[in-house]
Amino acid sequence: MTVFPARRAVPSARALPPVAVPHPRVESPGGIAAPRPSPLEWARRRRAERGARRLEAAGARAVGQLDHLGPAWHVIDWPRTDAADALLDDSDDRAGFLAIGPSGLFAVTIADHGRARVLVAGDVVQINGKRPPYVTEARRDARRASKALTAAVGHPIPVTPVLTFVGSGVISVYGLPKDCLMATHRELDRLLVAAGNRISPATAEKLSRVAQHPGTWMNGTYAPAADYRWYEDGRTAADKPATRR
C-alpha cells in the first residue's frame, strides 16, 4: 500500500502568485467584447418571451379542461411546424395539440385573446383591429396531421380542425366557419364529445401511440400497416367474426 503525504486542499495566500485583476470597465488588449443588444432588440426579445409564456399558460388551461374526459382520451403534443418552415421562420406564435378519443381526432389550435373583444364572421377572426389567419392555420394543421398519420398507418385518418379561444374578452359570432369547429376553452370538452363514439377506445389508443412516435412527423412511417388491425367505427376485435381454420 502506498501512502501519499497529506496536502492542503486550497493553497495558502502566500503561495499564490500575484495576479493583476483588470478593471471591469477596461477591456483587455487582446480580447473582443461581446456586442450588447440594442434597446429595441432587448424589448422585442422580452415581448417574445412574454408571448411564449402566455401561449403556454393558455394551452395548459385548454388541456386542463379535458382532464375529466377519462382515460379514453389522449392529448398529444406534436410539432405543428415543418422542419423546412422552422428553418425559414422560427417565430411561431401559435399553440395547440392533438386530441384523440372515441369521437375521433382533433387538431386543436389555441388563440389567446386576453381581455380583448373577438369578432368572428365565417373565416374572418378580428382581435384588436387585426385579423390573424387562425381559421386557415387550424385547417392547415389538421391537413398536415391527417397526411402524416395516414402515411404512418396506411389508412385514411381524418383530423378535424378546432379553434379554441382562451381569454376573458367578449366573443361576438356573426357566422361560424365551415369545416372548422370553434369554441372557448371552457366548452372544449363538450365540443369534442358532441360527435359521439366514432372509433373504439382501442383504435384511439393505437392512434395515440402513432402520434407520439417522432418518426410519424419526420416523413417516415411508424410501423408497417400490416401490424395493426383497423375496424369500422364502433367495432372492436371482439366484434370481428372468428377466422376458420
Protein backbone atom coordinates (compact mmCIF):
# COMPACT_ATOMS: atom_id res chain seq x y z
CA MET A 1 0.00 0.00 0.00
CA THR A 2 1.31 3.41 -0.94
CA VAL A 3 0.62 6.32 1.33
CA PHE A 4 0.80 9.83 -0.17
CA PRO A 5 1.65 12.80 2.02
CA ALA A 6 -1.23 14.98 3.03
CA ARG A 7 -1.80 18.21 1.07
CA ARG A 8 -3.80 21.29 1.65
CA ALA A 9 -7.00 21.42 -0.31
CA VAL A 10 -6.54 25.12 -1.04
CA PRO A 11 -3.09 26.71 -1.20
CA SER A 12 -2.37 29.50 1.21
CA ALA A 13 -2.42 33.10 0.17
CA ARG A 14 1.33 33.31 0.46
CA ALA A 15 1.82 30.53 -2.10
CA LEU A 16 -0.40 32.21 -4.69
CA PRO A 17 1.42 34.42 -7.21
CA PRO A 18 0.17 37.97 -7.53
CA VAL A 19 -2.39 38.30 -10.31
CA ALA A 20 -3.40 41.59 -11.83
CA VAL A 21 -7.16 41.95 -11.91
CA PRO A 22 -8.29 44.16 -14.81
CA HIS A 23 -10.79 46.89 -14.16
CA PRO A 24 -14.27 45.87 -15.30
CA ARG A 25 -14.54 48.99 -17.44
CA VAL A 26 -11.18 48.48 -19.13
CA GLU A 27 -11.12 45.85 -21.90
CA SER A 28 -8.16 43.51 -22.24
CA PRO A 29 -5.83 44.34 -25.13
CA GLY A 30 -6.34 41.07 -27.00
CA GLY A 31 -9.99 40.37 -26.06
CA ILE A 32 -13.12 41.19 -28.04
CA ALA A 33 -16.07 42.43 -26.04
CA ALA A 34 -19.40 40.75 -26.78
CA PRO A 35 -21.82 43.10 -28.53
CA ARG A 36 -24.64 44.28 -26.33
CA PRO A 37 -28.16 44.06 -27.70
CA SER A 38 -29.81 47.30 -28.65
CA PRO A 39 -32.75 48.57 -26.57
CA LEU A 40 -35.12 47.77 -29.44
CA GLU A 41 -33.82 44.21 -29.74
CA TRP A 42 -33.99 43.73 -25.97
CA ALA A 43 -37.60 44.96 -25.87
CA ARG A 44 -38.51 42.70 -28.80
CA ARG A 45 -36.96 39.70 -27.03
CA ARG A 46 -38.79 40.43 -23.79
CA ARG A 47 -42.08 40.79 -25.69
CA ALA A 48 -41.50 37.43 -27.41
CA GLU A 49 -40.75 35.75 -24.07
CA ARG A 50 -43.92 37.14 -22.51
CA GLY A 51 -45.92 36.00 -25.52
CA ALA A 52 -44.47 32.48 -25.27
CA ARG A 53 -45.36 32.29 -21.57
CA ARG A 54 -48.91 33.46 -22.30
CA LEU A 55 -49.34 30.85 -25.02
CA GLU A 56 -48.03 28.12 -22.73
CA ALA A 57 -50.44 29.16 -19.98
CA ALA A 58 -53.35 29.30 -22.44
CA GLY A 59 -52.54 25.82 -23.73
CA ALA A 60 -52.41 24.49 -20.17
CA ARG A 61 -55.86 25.92 -19.44
CA ALA A 62 -57.30 24.28 -22.55
CA VAL A 63 -55.68 20.92 -21.76
CA GLY A 64 -56.90 21.11 -18.17
CA GLN A 65 -60.47 21.28 -19.43
CA LEU A 66 -60.03 17.79 -20.94
CA ASP A 67 -58.72 16.12 -17.78
CA HIS A 68 -62.11 14.81 -16.68
CA LEU A 69 -62.96 13.16 -20.03
CA GLY A 70 -61.44 9.91 -18.84
CA PRO A 71 -58.65 7.56 -19.94
CA ALA A 72 -60.22 7.01 -23.36
CA TRP A 73 -58.98 10.47 -24.44
CA HIS A 74 -55.35 11.26 -25.25
CA VAL A 75 -53.71 14.68 -25.60
CA ILE A 76 -50.60 14.66 -27.81
CA ASP A 77 -48.07 17.47 -28.14
CA TRP A 78 -46.95 17.37 -31.76
CA PRO A 79 -44.64 19.53 -33.93
CA ARG A 80 -47.08 21.87 -35.65
CA THR A 81 -44.38 23.34 -37.92
CA ASP A 82 -42.45 21.51 -40.61
CA ALA A 83 -38.67 21.36 -40.33
CA ALA A 84 -38.27 23.43 -43.51
CA ASP A 85 -40.66 26.10 -42.21
CA ALA A 86 -38.87 26.21 -38.86
CA LEU A 87 -35.57 26.95 -40.60
CA LEU A 88 -37.11 29.81 -42.56
CA ASP A 89 -39.12 31.30 -39.73
CA ASP A 90 -38.60 30.30 -36.10
CA SER A 91 -41.11 32.79 -34.68
CA ASP A 92 -44.13 30.59 -34.13
CA ASP A 93 -46.83 32.46 -32.20
CA ARG A 94 -49.26 29.56 -32.34
CA ALA A 95 -50.03 26.84 -29.82
CA GLY A 96 -52.04 23.66 -29.98
CA PHE A 97 -52.22 19.91 -29.54
CA LEU A 98 -53.86 16.76 -30.86
CA ALA A 99 -56.87 15.36 -29.01
CA ILE A 100 -57.63 11.70 -29.76
CA GLY A 101 -60.63 9.92 -28.31
CA PRO A 102 -63.82 7.99 -29.13
CA SER A 103 -65.14 10.99 -31.08
CA GLY A 104 -62.17 10.96 -33.47
CA LEU A 105 -59.03 13.02 -33.97
CA PHE A 106 -58.92 16.79 -33.50
CA ALA A 107 -56.14 19.30 -34.20
CA VAL A 108 -56.76 21.99 -31.58
CA THR A 109 -55.35 25.47 -32.25
CA ILE A 110 -55.15 27.87 -29.28
CA ALA A 111 -55.96 31.58 -29.74
CA ASP A 112 -55.13 33.66 -26.66
CA HIS A 113 -57.06 36.95 -26.84
CA GLY A 114 -56.81 38.01 -23.19
CA ARG A 115 -59.33 40.74 -22.40
CA ALA A 116 -59.71 41.86 -26.00
CA ARG A 117 -63.01 41.51 -27.82
CA VAL A 118 -63.19 38.91 -30.58
CA LEU A 119 -65.30 39.26 -33.71
CA VAL A 120 -65.95 36.12 -35.77
CA ALA A 121 -67.58 36.20 -39.20
CA GLY A 122 -67.04 32.95 -41.05
CA ASP A 123 -63.34 32.52 -41.75
CA VAL A 124 -62.52 36.05 -40.51
CA VAL A 125 -61.38 36.49 -36.90
CA GLN A 126 -60.71 40.05 -35.74
CA ILE A 127 -58.87 40.87 -32.47
CA ASN A 128 -57.78 44.43 -31.59
CA GLY A 129 -58.29 45.56 -35.17
CA LYS A 130 -56.09 42.74 -36.55
CA ARG A 131 -57.23 39.71 -38.50
CA PRO A 132 -54.88 36.80 -37.79
CA PRO A 133 -55.42 33.77 -40.06
CA TYR A 134 -56.40 31.45 -37.22
CA VAL A 135 -59.00 29.51 -39.21
CA THR A 136 -56.63 29.00 -42.14
CA GLU A 137 -53.85 27.84 -39.80
CA ALA A 138 -56.19 25.44 -37.99
CA ARG A 139 -57.23 23.84 -41.29
CA ARG A 140 -53.62 23.62 -42.46
CA ASP A 141 -52.53 21.95 -39.21
CA ALA A 142 -55.36 19.44 -39.45
CA ARG A 143 -54.45 18.57 -43.05
CA ARG A 144 -50.79 18.12 -42.13
CA ALA A 145 -51.67 15.89 -39.16
CA SER A 146 -54.03 13.82 -41.31
CA LYS A 147 -51.39 13.42 -44.04
CA ALA A 148 -48.68 12.33 -41.58
CA LEU A 149 -50.91 9.86 -39.72
CA THR A 150 -52.29 8.44 -42.97
CA ALA A 151 -48.78 7.83 -44.28
CA ALA A 152 -47.77 6.22 -40.96
CA VAL A 153 -50.61 3.70 -40.72
CA GLY A 154 -51.51 3.19 -44.36
CA HIS A 155 -55.19 4.06 -43.87
CA PRO A 156 -57.06 7.36 -44.31
CA ILE A 157 -57.07 9.14 -40.93
CA PRO A 158 -59.35 12.22 -40.90
CA VAL A 159 -58.42 15.03 -38.48
CA THR A 160 -60.91 17.77 -37.62
CA PRO A 161 -59.59 21.33 -37.07
CA VAL A 162 -60.69 23.04 -33.87
CA LEU A 163 -60.10 26.71 -32.98
CA THR A 164 -60.23 27.39 -29.23
CA PHE A 165 -60.29 30.88 -27.71
CA VAL A 166 -58.67 31.41 -24.30
CA GLY A 167 -59.38 34.70 -22.54
CA SER A 168 -61.96 36.77 -20.71
CA GLY A 169 -62.94 39.15 -23.51
CA VAL A 170 -66.34 39.13 -25.19
CA ILE A 171 -66.67 36.92 -28.30
CA SER A 172 -69.22 38.03 -30.88
CA VAL A 173 -70.06 35.48 -33.58
CA TYR A 174 -71.81 36.55 -36.78
CA GLY A 175 -71.23 33.26 -38.59
CA LEU A 176 -69.21 30.10 -37.96
CA PRO A 177 -66.54 28.88 -40.40
CA LYS A 178 -67.08 25.77 -42.48
CA ASP A 179 -65.11 22.57 -41.85
CA CYS A 180 -63.66 24.04 -38.65
CA LEU A 181 -65.06 23.74 -35.14
CA MET A 182 -64.88 26.72 -32.79
CA ALA A 183 -65.38 27.11 -29.04
CA THR A 184 -63.95 28.67 -25.91
CA HIS A 185 -61.63 26.64 -23.70
CA ARG A 186 -64.45 26.21 -21.15
CA GLU A 187 -66.60 24.49 -23.80
CA LEU A 188 -63.82 22.46 -25.43
CA ASP A 189 -64.62 19.20 -23.64
CA ARG A 190 -68.31 19.34 -24.55
CA LEU A 191 -67.45 20.20 -28.15
CA LEU A 192 -65.18 17.17 -28.57
CA VAL A 193 -67.60 14.63 -27.10
CA ALA A 194 -70.57 16.01 -29.09
CA ALA A 195 -69.60 13.87 -32.11
CA GLY A 196 -70.40 10.67 -30.19
CA ASN A 197 -68.47 7.40 -30.45
CA ARG A 198 -66.90 7.19 -33.89
CA ILE A 199 -63.91 4.96 -33.09
CA SER A 200 -63.25 2.37 -30.43
CA PRO A 201 -61.04 3.09 -27.39
CA ALA A 202 -58.54 0.52 -28.69
CA THR A 203 -58.22 2.38 -32.01
CA ALA A 204 -57.81 5.67 -30.16
CA GLU A 205 -55.01 4.11 -28.12
CA LYS A 206 -53.26 2.88 -31.27
CA LEU A 207 -53.52 6.26 -32.93
CA SER A 208 -52.15 7.99 -29.85
CA ARG A 209 -49.08 5.73 -29.90
CA VAL A 210 -48.55 6.51 -33.58
CA ALA A 211 -48.90 10.25 -32.94
CA GLN A 212 -46.41 10.12 -30.07
CA HIS A 213 -43.72 8.49 -32.20
CA PRO A 214 -41.23 11.08 -33.56
CA GLY A 215 -40.90 9.19 -36.85
CA THR A 216 -44.51 9.98 -37.71
CA TRP A 217 -43.69 13.67 -38.19
CA MET A 218 -40.35 13.16 -39.97
CA ASN A 219 -41.72 11.96 -43.32
CA GLY A 220 -41.35 8.38 -42.19
CA THR A 221 -43.59 5.53 -41.10
CA TYR A 222 -44.21 4.50 -37.53
CA ALA A 223 -44.64 0.80 -38.32
CA PRO A 224 -45.94 -1.31 -41.18
CA ALA A 225 -49.67 -1.08 -41.60
CA ALA A 226 -49.96 -4.86 -41.53
CA ASP A 227 -49.05 -4.81 -37.82
CA TYR A 228 -52.36 -3.13 -37.00
CA ARG A 229 -55.97 -4.10 -37.49
CA TRP A 230 -58.30 -1.20 -38.13
CA TYR A 231 -62.01 -1.87 -37.67
CA GLU A 232 -65.03 0.12 -38.68
CA ASP A 233 -66.49 2.84 -36.49
CA GLY A 234 -67.75 1.45 -33.21
CA ARG A 235 -66.33 -2.06 -33.77
CA THR A 236 -63.63 -3.81 -31.79
CA ALA A 237 -61.69 -7.04 -32.09
CA ALA A 238 -64.43 -8.89 -30.20
CA ASP A 239 -66.98 -8.00 -32.89
CA LYS A 240 -64.93 -9.48 -35.71
CA PRO A 241 -66.00 -12.99 -36.70
CA ALA A 242 -63.54 -15.77 -36.00
CA THR A 243 -61.36 -16.97 -38.86
CA ARG A 244 -61.97 -20.53 -40.00
CA ARG A 245 -59.04 -22.92 -39.77
